Amino acid sequence: MRSTMRRGTAAALVATVALVVSACSSSGAQEGAAAGPAEDAEDAGTITVEHAQGITEVPADPQRVVVLDMGALDTLDALGVEVTGLPQANVPSFLSKYEDERYTDVGTLQEPDLEALARLDPDVVIVGFRSAGSYPELARTFPTVDITFDYTDYLDGFAESAMILGEIFDKEAEVEQALAGIEAQVEEIRPAGEAAGTGMVLQTSGGEVTMNGADSRFGLIFTELGVAEAETDVDAAAHGEVISFELIRDTDPDWLFVNDRDAAIGQGSGAAAEQVLDNELVASTTAWQQDQVVYLDGERWYIAQHGLSNVPAMLDEIGQALAK
């Protein structure tokens, strides 16, 4: 599917996703009609959505919206969709308006507050990534949609995820326009990525260093922007594979892309990434000597991970670094 996106046919992908969702809506309406005569009236006000964990019928034009994923929150914010509740811990600074008391705090991403959710009686609950494990429990009570996608097919997965939200909130045209802009941005940056040489994505936390590959949340640097992986044999662990400074020296990447996890999650107990990496072994690499160490915005890359406004900012960060 990625090859389709790279030929500049983001709009075609969006149309395909819309057809899939529309077909699911039609199927759901037929199933509902078999249940009883009252269903015809109900179907006129619902939409049936296929997503990462199944098929869910949600009200058309939902008013009470709970979001348990910061990337999805970024997308809804970009689309002008009003949100009722969200986990207010670790809200990225670029979404800080959602820390206001007018929004209901509904626990954490990993542990939603079911009582708070019950009081809100949401029309739809959006989960994804960190909160996806709560889907089975939430779906028993509330219309719940999972927008998680596969990092290894980032652009296509993100497009489908965003289109699900566009379909739910009748914002398909706005999503399509935003995706077309993102596709153009990727195409603009990719030549510089392909010419950059090799790269390694590192994450620091509590003084420990891990390496992240193409199948990680940072993988679009390789899979979409064309930077070659300096080391391809990387364990697909949630927070990366623990590595030594000797491995960094021996791999000798042309670029280092670094996420300070402690800073991203607001924990100041560990040494900053710059301090952790400031040693003779790392300093011997081409990346260090050529001043090609990029410290990523952890709120965007680690906390939010996606979003119609956030992804362009992530891409711009890499584009500006490669263009220096």
Protein backbone atom coordinates (compact mmCIF):
# COMPACT_ATOMS: atom_id res chain seq x y z
CA MET A 1 0.00 0.00 0.00
CA ARG A 2 2.93 2.31 0.69
CA SER A 3 3.87 2.37 -2.98
CA THR A 4 0.40 3.74 -3.77
CA MET A 5 0.91 6.59 -1.32
CA ARG A 6 4.32 7.40 -2.75
CA ARG A 7 2.91 7.82 -6.23
CA GLY A 8 0.94 10.77 -4.81
CA THR A 9 -2.45 9.08 -4.63
CA ALA A 10 -3.34 9.85 -1.06
CA ALA A 11 -6.77 10.91 -2.24
CA ALA A 12 -7.33 7.48 -3.80
CA LEU A 13 -6.46 5.80 -0.52
CA VAL A 14 -8.83 8.09 1.34
CA ALA A 15 -11.61 7.25 -1.11
CA THR A 16 -10.93 3.53 -0.66
CA VAL A 17 -11.13 3.80 3.11
CA ALA A 18 -14.35 5.78 2.84
CA LEU A 19 -15.86 3.06 0.63
CA VAL A 20 -14.88 0.39 3.15
CA VAL A 21 -16.49 2.31 6.01
CA SER A 22 -19.56 3.02 3.88
CA ALA A 23 -19.88 -0.65 3.02
CA CYS A 24 -19.68 -1.53 6.70
CA SER A 25 -22.38 1.03 7.43
CA SER A 26 -24.65 -0.55 4.81
CA SER A 27 -24.00 -4.03 6.18
CA GLY A 28 -24.65 -2.86 9.72
CA ALA A 29 -27.95 -1.29 8.65
CA GLN A 30 -29.09 -4.55 7.06
CA GLU A 31 -28.23 -6.51 10.18
CA GLY A 32 -30.07 -3.97 12.32
CA ALA A 33 -33.19 -4.17 10.14
CA ALA A 34 -33.45 -7.88 10.84
CA ALA A 35 -33.54 -7.20 14.57
CA GLY A 36 -36.86 -5.33 14.60
CA PRO A 37 -38.99 -2.59 13.04
CA ALA A 38 -37.58 0.16 15.24
CA GLU A 39 -34.14 -0.31 13.73
CA ASP A 40 -34.94 1.60 10.52
CA ALA A 41 -35.27 4.83 12.50
CA GLU A 42 -32.14 4.08 14.54
CA ASP A 43 -30.04 3.32 11.46
CA ALA A 44 -30.74 6.80 10.12
CA GLY A 45 -28.79 8.20 13.09
CA THR A 46 -25.89 5.75 13.32
CA ILE A 47 -22.75 4.80 11.43
CA THR A 48 -21.01 1.45 11.54
CA VAL A 49 -17.23 1.72 11.63
CA GLU A 50 -14.61 -0.93 10.94
CA HIS A 51 -11.46 -0.38 13.02
CA ALA A 52 -8.42 -2.12 14.50
CA GLN A 53 -10.39 -4.34 16.90
CA GLY A 54 -13.66 -4.92 15.11
CA ILE A 55 -16.81 -3.17 13.98
CA THR A 56 -18.66 -0.63 16.12
CA GLU A 57 -21.91 1.22 15.57
CA VAL A 58 -21.72 4.81 16.81
CA PRO A 59 -24.24 7.66 16.71
CA ALA A 60 -24.01 9.97 13.72
CA ASP A 61 -22.76 13.41 14.75
CA PRO A 62 -21.61 12.28 18.25
CA GLN A 63 -21.69 15.07 20.83
CA ARG A 64 -20.13 13.51 23.94
CA VAL A 65 -16.67 12.46 22.76
CA VAL A 66 -14.02 10.84 24.94
CA VAL A 67 -10.49 10.44 23.54
CA LEU A 68 -7.93 8.09 25.12
CA ASP A 69 -5.11 8.68 22.62
CA MET A 70 -3.12 11.89 22.23
CA GLY A 71 -2.57 11.48 18.50
CA ALA A 72 -6.32 11.08 17.98
CA LEU A 73 -6.85 14.15 20.17
CA ASP A 74 -4.49 16.08 17.90
CA THR A 75 -6.46 14.97 14.83
CA LEU A 76 -9.82 15.92 16.36
CA ASP A 77 -8.38 19.27 17.43
CA ALA A 78 -7.18 19.89 13.88
CA LEU A 79 -10.65 19.02 12.59
CA GLY A 80 -12.39 21.31 15.06
CA VAL A 81 -14.21 18.46 16.81
CA GLU A 82 -15.27 19.26 20.38
CA VAL A 83 -14.03 16.81 23.01
CA THR A 84 -15.79 16.11 26.31
CA GLY A 85 -13.25 14.01 28.23
CA LEU A 86 -9.66 12.80 28.06
CA PRO A 87 -6.80 11.68 30.32
CA GLN A 88 -5.28 14.97 31.47
CA ALA A 89 -1.96 13.53 32.67
CA ASN A 90 0.93 14.00 30.23
CA VAL A 91 -1.07 16.07 27.77
CA PRO A 92 1.49 17.43 25.25
CA SER A 93 2.19 21.14 25.63
CA PHE A 94 0.90 21.82 22.10
CA LEU A 95 -2.48 20.49 23.28
CA SER A 96 -2.35 22.14 26.70
CA LYS A 97 -5.76 23.78 26.29
CA TYR A 98 -7.25 20.35 27.06
CA GLU A 99 -5.90 20.56 30.62
CA ASP A 100 -8.65 23.08 31.34
CA GLU A 101 -11.30 22.07 33.87
CA ARG A 102 -14.01 22.37 31.22
CA TYR A 103 -12.82 18.97 30.01
CA THR A 104 -13.44 15.94 32.22
CA ASP A 105 -10.39 13.98 33.35
CA VAL A 106 -11.09 10.30 32.67
CA GLY A 107 -8.09 8.60 34.28
CA THR A 108 -4.96 7.64 32.39
CA LEU A 109 -4.25 6.26 28.94
CA GLN A 110 -3.56 2.81 30.36
CA GLU A 111 -6.24 2.90 33.09
CA PRO A 112 -9.42 4.79 32.16
CA ASP A 113 -11.68 5.88 35.02
CA LEU A 114 -14.81 3.85 34.31
CA GLU A 115 -16.91 5.76 36.83
CA ALA A 116 -16.00 9.10 35.23
CA LEU A 117 -16.81 7.64 31.83
CA ALA A 118 -20.17 6.35 33.06
CA ARG A 119 -21.07 9.81 34.33
CA LEU A 120 -20.24 11.30 30.94
CA ASP A 121 -22.18 8.60 29.07
CA PRO A 122 -20.12 9.21 25.90
CA ASP A 123 -21.55 8.79 22.42
CA VAL A 124 -18.16 7.44 21.35
CA VAL A 125 -14.85 6.54 23.00
CA ILE A 126 -11.70 6.69 20.87
CA VAL A 127 -8.82 4.44 21.96
CA GLY A 128 -5.45 3.76 20.36
CA PHE A 129 -1.96 2.43 21.06
CA ARG A 130 -1.44 2.78 24.86
CA SER A 131 -5.18 2.64 25.57
CA ALA A 132 -6.01 -0.10 23.05
CA GLY A 133 -5.80 -2.77 25.75
CA SER A 134 -8.85 -1.22 27.42
CA TYR A 135 -11.01 -1.73 24.34
CA PRO A 136 -12.72 -5.02 25.37
CA GLU A 137 -13.84 -3.61 28.72
CA LEU A 138 -14.88 -0.22 27.35
CA ALA A 139 -16.70 -1.74 24.36
CA ARG A 140 -19.02 -3.66 26.69
CA THR A 141 -20.54 -0.38 27.84
CA PHE A 142 -19.72 2.37 25.34
CA PRO A 143 -19.43 2.63 21.55
CA THR A 144 -15.65 2.31 21.28
CA VAL A 145 -13.35 2.65 18.26
CA ASP A 146 -9.66 1.70 18.13
CA ILE A 147 -7.55 3.82 15.76
CA THR A 148 -4.27 1.93 16.36
CA PHE A 149 -2.24 1.28 13.21
CA ASP A 150 0.94 -0.56 12.23
CA TYR A 151 4.11 1.53 12.50
CA THR A 152 5.79 -0.45 9.69
CA ASP A 153 3.27 0.95 7.19
CA TYR A 154 3.10 4.34 8.80
CA LEU A 155 1.64 6.64 6.14
CA ASP A 156 -1.04 4.24 4.96
CA GLY A 157 -1.95 3.20 8.50
CA PHE A 158 -2.11 6.78 9.67
CA ALA A 159 -4.26 7.74 6.66
CA GLU A 160 -6.76 4.98 7.41
CA SER A 161 -6.81 5.90 11.09
CA ALA A 162 -7.46 9.57 10.33
CA MET A 163 -10.16 8.69 7.81
CA ILE A 164 -12.01 6.64 10.43
CA LEU A 165 -12.25 9.80 12.54
CA GLY A 166 -13.17 11.82 9.49
CA GLU A 167 -16.03 9.44 8.71
CA ILE A 168 -17.35 9.45 12.28
CA PHE A 169 -17.40 13.25 12.49
CA ASP A 170 -18.31 13.99 8.86
CA LYS A 171 -14.92 15.57 8.18
CA GLU A 172 -13.74 13.40 5.29
CA ALA A 173 -12.90 16.32 3.00
CA GLU A 174 -10.81 18.02 5.68
CA VAL A 175 -8.93 14.79 6.40
CA GLU A 176 -8.27 14.20 2.71
CA GLN A 177 -6.85 17.69 2.31
CA ALA A 178 -4.57 17.29 5.34
CA LEU A 179 -3.33 13.89 4.16
CA ALA A 180 -2.52 15.26 0.72
CA GLY A 181 -0.40 17.96 2.36
CA ILE A 182 1.42 15.36 4.46
CA GLU A 183 2.11 13.22 1.41
CA ALA A 184 3.57 16.23 -0.41
CA GLN A 185 5.73 17.02 2.61
CA VAL A 186 7.10 13.47 2.70
CA GLU A 187 7.91 13.57 -1.00
CA GLU A 188 9.77 16.85 -0.48
CA ILE A 189 11.88 15.52 2.41
CA ARG A 190 12.56 12.02 1.12
CA PRO A 191 15.40 12.87 -1.32
CA ALA A 192 17.38 14.39 1.55
CA GLY A 193 16.67 11.31 3.65
CA GLU A 194 17.87 8.97 0.93
CA ALA A 195 21.06 11.02 0.54
CA ALA A 196 21.72 11.27 4.28
CA GLY A 197 23.48 7.93 4.68
CA THR A 198 22.82 5.73 7.69
CA GLY A 199 20.87 6.59 10.79
CA MET A 200 20.21 5.14 14.22
CA VAL A 201 17.28 6.01 16.48
CA LEU A 202 18.17 5.96 20.17
CA GLN A 203 16.08 6.45 23.28
CA THR A 204 17.42 7.28 26.72
CA SER A 205 15.64 6.63 30.00
CA GLY A 206 17.10 6.41 33.48
CA GLY A 207 20.61 6.44 32.05
CA GLU A 208 19.86 3.43 29.84
CA VAL A 209 20.08 3.56 26.05
CA THR A 210 17.84 1.61 23.67
CA MET A 211 17.81 1.36 19.89
CA ASN A 212 14.61 1.55 17.84
CA GLY A 213 14.13 0.16 14.34
CA ALA A 214 11.82 0.54 11.37
CA ASP A 215 8.92 -1.16 13.16
CA SER A 216 8.94 1.31 16.05
CA ARG A 217 7.05 4.56 16.60
CA PHE A 218 10.13 6.33 15.19
CA GLY A 219 10.32 4.04 12.16
CA LEU A 220 8.95 6.50 9.61
CA ILE A 221 12.41 8.10 9.59
CA PHE A 222 13.52 4.95 7.78
CA THR A 223 10.41 3.62 6.05
CA GLU A 224 8.93 6.88 4.78
CA LEU A 225 11.75 9.43 4.76
CA GLY A 226 14.36 7.12 3.29
CA VAL A 227 17.18 7.25 5.85
CA ALA A 228 19.04 3.91 5.74
CA GLU A 229 19.11 1.91 8.97
CA ALA A 230 22.64 1.67 10.34
CA GLU A 231 21.62 -1.50 12.17
CA THR A 232 18.74 -3.58 10.83
CA ASP A 233 18.70 -6.39 13.40
CA VAL A 234 16.72 -4.59 16.09
CA ASP A 235 14.43 -6.29 18.61
CA ALA A 236 10.86 -5.03 18.28
CA ALA A 237 10.47 -4.15 21.97
CA ALA A 238 8.00 -1.48 23.04
CA HIS A 239 10.76 0.84 24.23
CA GLY A 240 13.51 -0.45 21.98
CA GLU A 241 16.40 -2.88 22.38
CA VAL A 242 18.87 -2.14 25.17
CA ILE A 243 22.31 -1.56 23.66
CA SER A 244 25.82 -0.59 24.70
CA PHE A 245 27.83 2.47 23.76
CA GLU A 246 30.27 0.09 22.10
CA LEU A 247 27.56 -0.94 19.62
CA ILE A 248 26.91 2.69 18.74
CA ARG A 249 30.65 3.20 18.15
CA ASP A 250 31.04 0.04 16.09
CA THR A 251 27.92 0.74 13.97
CA ASP A 252 29.14 4.30 13.35
CA PRO A 253 25.93 5.87 12.00
CA ASP A 254 26.00 9.04 9.94
CA TRP A 255 23.02 10.36 11.91
CA LEU A 256 21.70 9.84 15.42
CA PHE A 257 18.03 10.60 16.15
CA VAL A 258 17.52 10.69 19.91
CA ASN A 259 14.42 10.67 22.09
CA ASP A 260 14.77 11.57 25.77
CA ARG A 261 11.96 9.48 27.24
CA ASP A 262 12.34 10.90 30.75
CA ALA A 263 11.83 14.42 29.43
CA ALA A 264 8.90 13.31 27.28
CA ILE A 265 6.97 11.79 30.19
CA GLY A 266 7.94 14.52 32.63
CA GLN A 267 10.37 12.53 34.75
CA GLY A 268 13.48 14.49 35.60
CA SER A 269 15.15 11.77 37.67
CA GLY A 270 17.38 10.47 34.87
CA ALA A 271 20.24 12.27 33.19
CA ALA A 272 19.34 14.22 30.07
CA ALA A 273 19.97 12.47 26.77
CA GLU A 274 22.81 14.84 25.91
CA GLN A 275 24.61 13.89 29.11
CA VAL A 276 24.03 10.17 28.65
CA LEU A 277 25.51 10.17 25.16
CA ASP A 278 28.40 12.53 25.92
CA ASN A 279 31.20 9.97 26.15
CA GLU A 280 34.26 8.95 24.14
CA LEU A 281 32.56 6.01 22.44
CA VAL A 282 29.63 7.96 21.03
CA ALA A 283 31.86 10.95 20.32
CA SER A 284 33.92 8.81 17.93
CA THR A 285 30.96 8.28 15.57
CA THR A 286 30.49 10.14 12.31
CA ALA A 287 27.15 11.46 13.57
CA TRP A 288 28.73 13.08 16.60
CA GLN A 289 31.76 14.44 14.80
CA GLN A 290 29.65 15.88 11.97
CA ASP A 291 27.19 17.44 14.43
CA GLN A 292 24.43 15.22 13.04
CA VAL A 293 22.72 14.32 16.31
CA VAL A 294 19.04 15.26 16.28
CA TYR A 295 17.22 15.44 19.62
CA LEU A 296 13.60 14.70 18.81
CA ASP A 297 10.61 16.45 20.36
CA GLY A 298 9.51 13.64 22.68
CA GLU A 299 6.03 15.04 23.18
CA ARG A 300 5.41 14.72 19.47
CA TRP A 301 7.28 11.51 18.65
CA TYR A 302 6.80 9.55 21.87
CA ILE A 303 3.61 10.84 23.52
CA ALA A 304 1.35 11.80 20.59
CA GLN A 305 2.98 9.62 17.89
CA HIS A 306 0.55 10.72 15.16
CA GLY A 307 -2.16 13.33 14.44
CA LEU A 308 -3.08 15.57 11.53
CA SER A 309 -1.26 18.57 13.02
CA ASN A 310 1.43 16.62 14.82
CA VAL A 311 2.72 14.53 11.90
CA PRO A 312 3.61 17.60 9.80
CA ALA A 313 5.54 18.96 12.80
CA MET A 314 7.39 15.64 13.18
CA LEU A 315 8.25 15.60 9.50
CA ASP A 316 9.37 19.21 9.58
CA GLU A 317 11.74 18.45 12.46
CA ILE A 318 13.52 15.79 10.39
CA GLY A 319 13.37 17.83 7.19
CA GLN A 320 15.03 20.83 8.80
CA ALA A 321 17.77 18.68 10.35
CA LEU A 322 18.58 16.92 7.08
CA ALA A 323 18.59 20.19 5.14
CA LYS A 324 21.26 21.86 7.25
